[in-house]
Amino acid sequence: MANIHSLNAKKREGSGTAATKKLRREGRVPGVVYGGKQDNYAVDLDRIEIRDLFASSASENILVRLDIDGAKEQDKLALIQAVQHHPLTSAINHIDFHCVSEDEEIVASVPLQLIGEAAGIKAGGLLDQQLQSLDVRCKPADLPELLQGDITEVGLGQPFHVGSVVLPEGVSAVLANDVVVAIVAELRAIQSDEDDASGANAAPEDAAAETA
């Protein structure tokens, strides 16, 4: 079952750069609530409450129940759809909330953790995880906060596919089952790829010196 977090927000009347800068100086984070059959609202939220919410979650795609002060419809179930960060400080600058219905399926990105020590690693290989998260489709109440894939049986040179990730009941992957999540690569193959890349990037004078 999904962990639905409660979050307080205020309906925001002002807009524009000056208004949002003023909000941030006051310790507030601007945002927007949209989607579904409900009214769209510009909102602002307490920065500390937002910070604590993300600190306790594995992903930024979090399911929340919004209590919006000043809005006609105060109780909204929403998925945090997008988060904008300051380019230098990484502070949260803006949040988009997408309203969802409890009876309709949503698509969300869930962090993917690989567990166990692959047989191929014990044989001298190196794990290359190509997908750090997995897009899933499910109803809001079934949304997991974290997915795990057991790679214990993955041998040297073998891939681990999306279809091998055990999903909770009511949850399906958006990607096809044969998409590669990770592979245990042979060290010799990795070294060969690095050598090829090094040769391709060599300066023309270096290449001429090698053939002289």
C-alpha atoms as a PDB file:
ATOM      1  CA  MET A   1       0.000   0.000   0.000  1.00  0.00           C
ATOM      2  CA  ALA A   2       1.165   3.508  -0.780  1.00  0.00           C
ATOM      3  CA  ASN A   3       2.243   5.798   1.999  1.00  0.00           C
ATOM      4  CA  ILE A   4       0.107   8.917   1.493  1.00  0.00           C
ATOM      5  CA  HIS A   5       1.661  11.966   3.151  1.00  0.00           C
ATOM      6  CA  SER A   6      -0.391  14.866   4.476  1.00  0.00           C
ATOM      7  CA  LEU A   7       0.754  18.285   3.316  1.00  0.00           C
ATOM      8  CA  ASN A   8      -0.511  21.772   4.091  1.00  0.00           C
ATOM      9  CA  ALA A   9      -0.670  24.480   1.436  1.00  0.00           C
ATOM     10  CA  LYS A  10      -2.102  27.961   0.981  1.00  0.00           C
ATOM     11  CA  LYS A  11      -3.879  29.248  -2.092  1.00  0.00           C
ATOM     12  CA  ARG A  12      -1.590  31.800  -3.759  1.00  0.00           C
ATOM     13  CA  GLU A  13      -2.975  34.927  -5.392  1.00  0.00           C
ATOM     14  CA  GLY A  14       0.204  36.710  -6.508  1.00  0.00           C
ATOM     15  CA  SER A  15       2.219  35.615  -9.538  1.00  0.00           C
ATOM     16  CA  GLY A  16       5.380  36.609 -11.349  1.00  0.00           C
ATOM     17  CA  THR A  17       9.042  36.681 -10.433  1.00  0.00           C
ATOM     18  CA  ALA A  18       8.785  39.365  -7.747  1.00  0.00           C
ATOM     19  CA  ALA A  19       5.983  37.540  -5.938  1.00  0.00           C
ATOM     20  CA  THR A  20       7.748  34.182  -5.962  1.00  0.00           C
ATOM     21  CA  LYS A  21      11.029  35.709  -4.756  1.00  0.00           C
ATOM     22  CA  LYS A  22       9.159  37.327  -1.868  1.00  0.00           C
ATOM     23  CA  LEU A  23       7.619  33.959  -0.964  1.00  0.00           C
ATOM     24  CA  ARG A  24      11.000  32.242  -0.923  1.00  0.00           C
ATOM     25  CA  ARG A  25      12.447  34.949   1.340  1.00  0.00           C
ATOM     26  CA  GLU A  26       9.562  34.227   3.730  1.00  0.00           C
ATOM     27  CA  GLY A  27      10.423  30.515   3.829  1.00  0.00           C
ATOM     28  CA  ARG A  28       7.685  29.436   1.435  1.00  0.00           C
ATOM     29  CA  VAL A  29       7.882  27.298  -1.709  1.00  0.00           C
ATOM     30  CA  PRO A  30       5.612  28.213  -4.655  1.00  0.00           C
ATOM     31  CA  GLY A  31       3.770  25.489  -6.500  1.00  0.00           C
ATOM     32  CA  VAL A  32       0.819  24.693  -8.719  1.00  0.00           C
ATOM     33  CA  VAL A  33      -1.943  22.104  -8.390  1.00  0.00           C
ATOM     34  CA  TYR A  34      -3.539  20.912 -11.630  1.00  0.00           C
ATOM     35  CA  GLY A  35      -5.151  17.984 -13.373  1.00  0.00           C
ATOM     36  CA  GLY A  36      -8.194  15.828 -12.816  1.00  0.00           C
ATOM     37  CA  LYS A  37     -11.671  17.313 -12.669  1.00  0.00           C
ATOM     38  CA  GLN A  38     -10.767  19.753  -9.918  1.00  0.00           C
ATOM     39  CA  ASP A  39      -9.919  23.441 -10.117  1.00  0.00           C
ATOM     40  CA  ASN A  40      -6.290  24.419 -10.713  1.00  0.00           C
ATOM     41  CA  TYR A  41      -4.611  26.406  -7.947  1.00  0.00           C
ATOM     42  CA  ALA A  42      -1.387  28.321  -7.481  1.00  0.00           C
ATOM     43  CA  VAL A  43      -0.202  27.470  -3.973  1.00  0.00           C
ATOM     44  CA  ASP A  44       2.682  27.991  -1.586  1.00  0.00           C
ATOM     45  CA  LEU A  45       3.999  25.611   1.062  1.00  0.00           C
ATOM     46  CA  ASP A  46       6.246  25.699   4.107  1.00  0.00           C
ATOM     47  CA  ARG A  47       9.876  25.080   3.109  1.00  0.00           C
ATOM     48  CA  ILE A  48      10.703  23.055   6.235  1.00  0.00           C
ATOM     49  CA  GLU A  49       7.663  20.806   5.804  1.00  0.00           C
ATOM     50  CA  ILE A  50       8.649  20.176   2.188  1.00  0.00           C
ATOM     51  CA  ARG A  51      12.276  19.518   3.139  1.00  0.00           C
ATOM     52  CA  ASP A  52      11.256  16.982   5.790  1.00  0.00           C
ATOM     53  CA  LEU A  53       8.891  15.261   3.348  1.00  0.00           C
ATOM     54  CA  PHE A  54      11.628  14.670   0.771  1.00  0.00           C
ATOM     55  CA  ALA A  55      14.150  13.666   3.437  1.00  0.00           C
ATOM     56  CA  SER A  56      11.875  10.811   4.517  1.00  0.00           C
ATOM     57  CA  SER A  57      11.076   9.582   0.988  1.00  0.00           C
ATOM     58  CA  ALA A  58      13.048   7.491  -1.475  1.00  0.00           C
ATOM     59  CA  SER A  59      11.748   9.407  -4.499  1.00  0.00           C
ATOM     60  CA  GLU A  60      10.462  12.844  -5.472  1.00  0.00           C
ATOM     61  CA  ASN A  61       7.356  11.234  -7.015  1.00  0.00           C
ATOM     62  CA  ILE A  62       5.419  11.267  -3.748  1.00  0.00           C
ATOM     63  CA  LEU A  63       1.698  10.758  -3.243  1.00  0.00           C
ATOM     64  CA  VAL A  64       0.240  13.455  -0.966  1.00  0.00           C
ATOM     65  CA  ARG A  65      -3.104  14.562   0.388  1.00  0.00           C
ATOM     66  CA  LEU A  66      -3.151  18.337   0.146  1.00  0.00           C
ATOM     67  CA  ASP A  67      -5.043  20.497   2.591  1.00  0.00           C
ATOM     68  CA  ILE A  68      -5.250  23.822   0.749  1.00  0.00           C
ATOM     69  CA  ASP A  69      -6.170  26.811   2.896  1.00  0.00           C
ATOM     70  CA  GLY A  70      -8.369  29.230   0.947  1.00  0.00           C
ATOM     71  CA  ALA A  71      -9.324  26.818  -1.833  1.00  0.00           C
ATOM     72  CA  LYS A  72     -12.859  25.757  -2.724  1.00  0.00           C
ATOM     73  CA  GLU A  73     -11.796  22.090  -2.687  1.00  0.00           C
ATOM     74  CA  GLN A  74      -9.359  21.801   0.199  1.00  0.00           C
ATOM     75  CA  ASP A  75      -8.756  18.057   0.244  1.00  0.00           C
ATOM     76  CA  LYS A  76      -6.858  16.931  -2.862  1.00  0.00           C
ATOM     77  CA  LEU A  77      -5.078  13.662  -3.583  1.00  0.00           C
ATOM     78  CA  ALA A  78      -2.075  14.497  -5.766  1.00  0.00           C
ATOM     79  CA  LEU A  79       1.194  13.128  -7.053  1.00  0.00           C
ATOM     80  CA  ILE A  80       4.272  15.336  -6.912  1.00  0.00           C
ATOM     81  CA  GLN A  81       4.927  15.437 -10.633  1.00  0.00           C
ATOM     82  CA  ALA A  82       7.905  17.775 -11.016  1.00  0.00           C
ATOM     83  CA  VAL A  83      10.335  19.534  -8.680  1.00  0.00           C
ATOM     84  CA  GLN A  84      12.506  22.474  -9.715  1.00  0.00           C
ATOM     85  CA  HIS A  85      15.769  22.998  -7.820  1.00  0.00           C
ATOM     86  CA  HIS A  86      18.044  26.020  -7.587  1.00  0.00           C
ATOM     87  CA  PRO A  87      20.998  25.312  -9.939  1.00  0.00           C
ATOM     88  CA  LEU A  88      23.633  26.222  -7.334  1.00  0.00           C
ATOM     89  CA  THR A  89      22.153  25.454  -3.915  1.00  0.00           C
ATOM     90  CA  SER A  90      19.788  22.600  -4.937  1.00  0.00           C
ATOM     91  CA  ALA A  91      17.103  24.266  -2.803  1.00  0.00           C
ATOM     92  CA  ILE A  92      13.546  23.504  -3.945  1.00  0.00           C
ATOM     93  CA  ASN A  93      12.246  26.420  -6.021  1.00  0.00           C
ATOM     94  CA  HIS A  94       8.902  25.127  -7.288  1.00  0.00           C
ATOM     95  CA  ILE A  95       6.671  22.033  -7.126  1.00  0.00           C
ATOM     96  CA  ASP A  96       4.022  20.741  -9.526  1.00  0.00           C
ATOM     97  CA  PHE A  97       1.213  18.644  -8.036  1.00  0.00           C
ATOM     98  CA  HIS A  98      -0.893  16.507 -10.369  1.00  0.00           C
ATOM     99  CA  CYS A  99      -4.333  15.708  -8.961  1.00  0.00           C
ATOM    100  CA  VAL A 100      -5.308  12.047  -9.249  1.00  0.00           C
ATOM    101  CA  SER A 101      -8.391   9.962  -8.612  1.00  0.00           C
ATOM    102  CA  GLU A 102      -8.291   7.030  -6.215  1.00  0.00           C
ATOM    103  CA  ASP A 103     -10.118   4.900  -8.798  1.00  0.00           C
ATOM    104  CA  GLU A 104      -7.925   5.688 -11.827  1.00  0.00           C
ATOM    105  CA  GLU A 105      -4.465   4.369 -12.685  1.00  0.00           C
ATOM    106  CA  ILE A 106      -1.458   6.671 -12.588  1.00  0.00           C
ATOM    107  CA  VAL A 107       2.065   6.403 -13.993  1.00  0.00           C
ATOM    108  CA  ALA A 108       4.945   7.205 -11.659  1.00  0.00           C
ATOM    109  CA  SER A 109       8.713   6.649 -11.471  1.00  0.00           C
ATOM    110  CA  VAL A 110       9.778   4.447  -8.545  1.00  0.00           C
ATOM    111  CA  PRO A 111      13.415   4.001  -7.385  1.00  0.00           C
ATOM    112  CA  LEU A 112      14.837   0.560  -8.174  1.00  0.00           C
ATOM    113  CA  GLN A 113      17.277  -1.059  -5.753  1.00  0.00           C
ATOM    114  CA  LEU A 114      19.253  -4.167  -6.713  1.00  0.00           C
ATOM    115  CA  ILE A 115      19.842  -6.581  -3.837  1.00  0.00           C
ATOM    116  CA  GLY A 116      22.066  -9.615  -3.378  1.00  0.00           C
ATOM    117  CA  GLU A 117      25.541 -10.314  -4.755  1.00  0.00           C
ATOM    118  CA  ALA A 118      25.412 -11.526  -8.334  1.00  0.00           C
ATOM    119  CA  ALA A 119      27.151 -14.793  -9.147  1.00  0.00           C
ATOM    120  CA  GLY A 120      28.908 -12.975 -11.964  1.00  0.00           C
ATOM    121  CA  ILE A 121      30.441 -10.471  -9.556  1.00  0.00           C
ATOM    122  CA  LYS A 122      31.863 -13.336  -7.490  1.00  0.00           C
ATOM    123  CA  ALA A 123      33.378 -14.605 -10.745  1.00  0.00           C
ATOM    124  CA  GLY A 124      35.184 -11.308 -11.284  1.00  0.00           C
ATOM    125  CA  GLY A 125      32.598  -9.290 -13.198  1.00  0.00           C
ATOM    126  CA  LEU A 126      31.405  -5.739 -12.624  1.00  0.00           C
ATOM    127  CA  LEU A 127      27.766  -4.722 -12.201  1.00  0.00           C
ATOM    128  CA  ASP A 128      26.504  -2.057 -14.605  1.00  0.00           C
ATOM    129  CA  GLN A 129      23.060  -0.823 -13.475  1.00  0.00           C
ATOM    130  CA  GLN A 130      21.475   0.978 -16.415  1.00  0.00           C
ATOM    131  CA  LEU A 131      18.106   1.825 -14.854  1.00  0.00           C
ATOM    132  CA  GLN A 132      17.994   3.527 -11.455  1.00  0.00           C
ATOM    133  CA  SER A 133      14.203   3.752 -11.424  1.00  0.00           C
ATOM    134  CA  LEU A 134      11.257   2.089 -13.085  1.00  0.00           C
ATOM    135  CA  ASP A 135       8.069   3.671 -14.430  1.00  0.00           C
ATOM    136  CA  VAL A 136       5.035   1.767 -13.173  1.00  0.00           C
ATOM    137  CA  ARG A 137       1.276   1.917 -13.716  1.00  0.00           C
ATOM    138  CA  CYS A 138      -1.121   1.391 -10.819  1.00  0.00           C
ATOM    139  CA  LYS A 139      -3.874   2.940  -8.730  1.00  0.00           C
ATOM    140  CA  PRO A 140      -2.666   5.545  -6.201  1.00  0.00           C
ATOM    141  CA  ALA A 141      -3.244   3.301  -3.195  1.00  0.00           C
ATOM    142  CA  ASP A 142      -0.966   0.609  -4.710  1.00  0.00           C
ATOM    143  CA  LEU A 143       1.974   2.888  -5.542  1.00  0.00           C
ATOM    144  CA  PRO A 144       5.191   1.493  -3.965  1.00  0.00           C
ATOM    145  CA  GLU A 145       7.876   3.844  -2.620  1.00  0.00           C
ATOM    146  CA  LEU A 146      10.708   1.468  -3.587  1.00  0.00           C
ATOM    147  CA  LEU A 147      11.195  -1.539  -5.872  1.00  0.00           C
ATOM    148  CA  GLN A 148      13.830  -4.218  -5.389  1.00  0.00           C
ATOM    149  CA  GLY A 149      15.368  -6.670  -7.818  1.00  0.00           C
ATOM    150  CA  ASP A 150      17.280  -9.758  -6.627  1.00  0.00           C
ATOM    151  CA  ILE A 151      20.358 -10.229  -8.822  1.00  0.00           C
ATOM    152  CA  THR A 152      21.861 -13.161  -6.871  1.00  0.00           C
ATOM    153  CA  GLU A 153      21.497 -15.613  -9.776  1.00  0.00           C
ATOM    154  CA  VAL A 154      22.814 -13.274 -12.496  1.00  0.00           C
ATOM    155  CA  GLY A 155      25.973 -14.778 -13.985  1.00  0.00           C
ATOM    156  CA  LEU A 156      28.979 -13.282 -15.715  1.00  0.00           C
ATOM    157  CA  GLY A 157      27.954 -11.532 -18.934  1.00  0.00           C
ATOM    158  CA  GLN A 158      24.260 -11.991 -18.184  1.00  0.00           C
ATOM    159  CA  PRO A 159      21.603  -9.250 -18.093  1.00  0.00           C
ATOM    160  CA  PHE A 160      18.904  -8.629 -15.505  1.00  0.00           C
ATOM    161  CA  HIS A 161      15.636  -7.640 -17.157  1.00  0.00           C
ATOM    162  CA  VAL A 162      12.585  -5.591 -16.179  1.00  0.00           C
ATOM    163  CA  GLY A 163      10.561  -8.806 -16.198  1.00  0.00           C
ATOM    164  CA  SER A 164      12.714 -10.164 -13.371  1.00  0.00           C
ATOM    165  CA  VAL A 165      11.698  -7.367 -10.993  1.00  0.00           C
ATOM    166  CA  VAL A 166       8.986  -8.675  -8.671  1.00  0.00           C
ATOM    167  CA  LEU A 167       6.179  -6.105  -8.633  1.00  0.00           C
ATOM    168  CA  PRO A 168       3.519  -5.770  -5.931  1.00  0.00           C
ATOM    169  CA  GLU A 169      -0.034  -6.834  -6.723  1.00  0.00           C
ATOM    170  CA  GLY A 170      -1.845  -4.250  -8.802  1.00  0.00           C
ATOM    171  CA  VAL A 171       1.403  -2.753 -10.161  1.00  0.00           C
ATOM    172  CA  SER A 172       2.721  -3.209 -13.717  1.00  0.00           C
ATOM    173  CA  ALA A 173       5.837  -1.936 -15.455  1.00  0.00           C
ATOM    174  CA  VAL A 174       5.521   0.552 -18.309  1.00  0.00           C
ATOM    175  CA  LEU A 175       8.638  -0.788 -20.051  1.00  0.00           C
ATOM    176  CA  ALA A 176       8.692  -4.160 -21.805  1.00  0.00           C
ATOM    177  CA  ASN A 177       9.864  -7.192 -19.838  1.00  0.00           C
ATOM    178  CA  ASP A 178      12.970  -7.671 -22.026  1.00  0.00           C
ATOM    179  CA  VAL A 179      14.405  -4.182 -21.314  1.00  0.00           C
ATOM    180  CA  VAL A 180      17.788  -4.510 -19.545  1.00  0.00           C
ATOM    181  CA  VAL A 181      17.962  -3.130 -16.012  1.00  0.00           C
ATOM    182  CA  ALA A 182      21.552  -4.201 -15.326  1.00  0.00           C
ATOM    183  CA  ILE A 183      24.273  -6.454 -16.654  1.00  0.00           C
ATOM    184  CA  VAL A 184      27.278  -8.133 -15.052  1.00  0.00           C
ATOM    185  CA  ALA A 185      30.029  -7.262 -17.501  1.00  0.00           C
ATOM    186  CA  GLU A 186      33.349  -9.030 -17.898  1.00  0.00           C
ATOM    187  CA  LEU A 187      36.287  -6.835 -16.925  1.00  0.00           C
ATOM    188  CA  ARG A 188      38.160  -7.730 -20.097  1.00  0.00           C
ATOM    189  CA  ALA A 189      35.253  -6.469 -22.228  1.00  0.00           C
ATOM    190  CA  ILE A 190      35.138  -3.232 -20.224  1.00  0.00           C
ATOM    191  CA  GLN A 191      38.885  -2.705 -20.674  1.00  0.00           C
ATOM    192  CA  SER A 192      38.581  -3.341 -24.421  1.00  0.00           C
ATOM    193  CA  ASP A 193      35.798  -0.749 -24.717  1.00  0.00           C
ATOM    194  CA  GLU A 194      37.910   1.786 -22.810  1.00  0.00           C
ATOM    195  CA  ASP A 195      40.907   1.138 -25.076  1.00  0.00           C
ATOM    196  CA  ASP A 196      38.758   1.595 -28.189  1.00  0.00           C
ATOM    197  CA  ALA A 197      37.386   4.866 -26.857  1.00  0.00           C
ATOM    198  CA  SER A 198      40.882   6.073 -25.986  1.00  0.00           C
ATOM    199  CA  GLY A 199      42.112   5.322 -29.498  1.00  0.00           C
ATOM    200  CA  ALA A 200      39.172   7.080 -31.108  1.00  0.00           C
ATOM    201  CA  ASN A 201      39.804  10.206 -29.036  1.00  0.00           C
ATOM    202  CA  ALA A 202      43.556  10.346 -29.691  1.00  0.00           C
ATOM    203  CA  ALA A 203      44.887  13.609 -31.129  1.00  0.00           C
ATOM    204  CA  PRO A 204      45.915  13.510 -34.819  1.00  0.00           C
ATOM    205  CA  GLU A 205      49.580  14.095 -33.944  1.00  0.00           C
ATOM    206  CA  ASP A 206      49.471  11.192 -31.481  1.00  0.00           C
ATOM    207  CA  ALA A 207      48.064   8.900 -34.164  1.00  0.00           C
ATOM    208  CA  ALA A 208      50.767  10.049 -36.619  1.00  0.00           C
ATOM    209  CA  ALA A 209      53.475   9.391 -34.024  1.00  0.00           C
ATOM    210  CA  GLU A 210      52.182   5.853 -33.477  1.00  0.00           C
ATOM    211  CA  THR A 211      52.401   5.078 -37.243  1.00  0.00           C
ATOM    212  CA  ALA A 212      55.773   6.737 -37.759  1.00  0.00           C
END
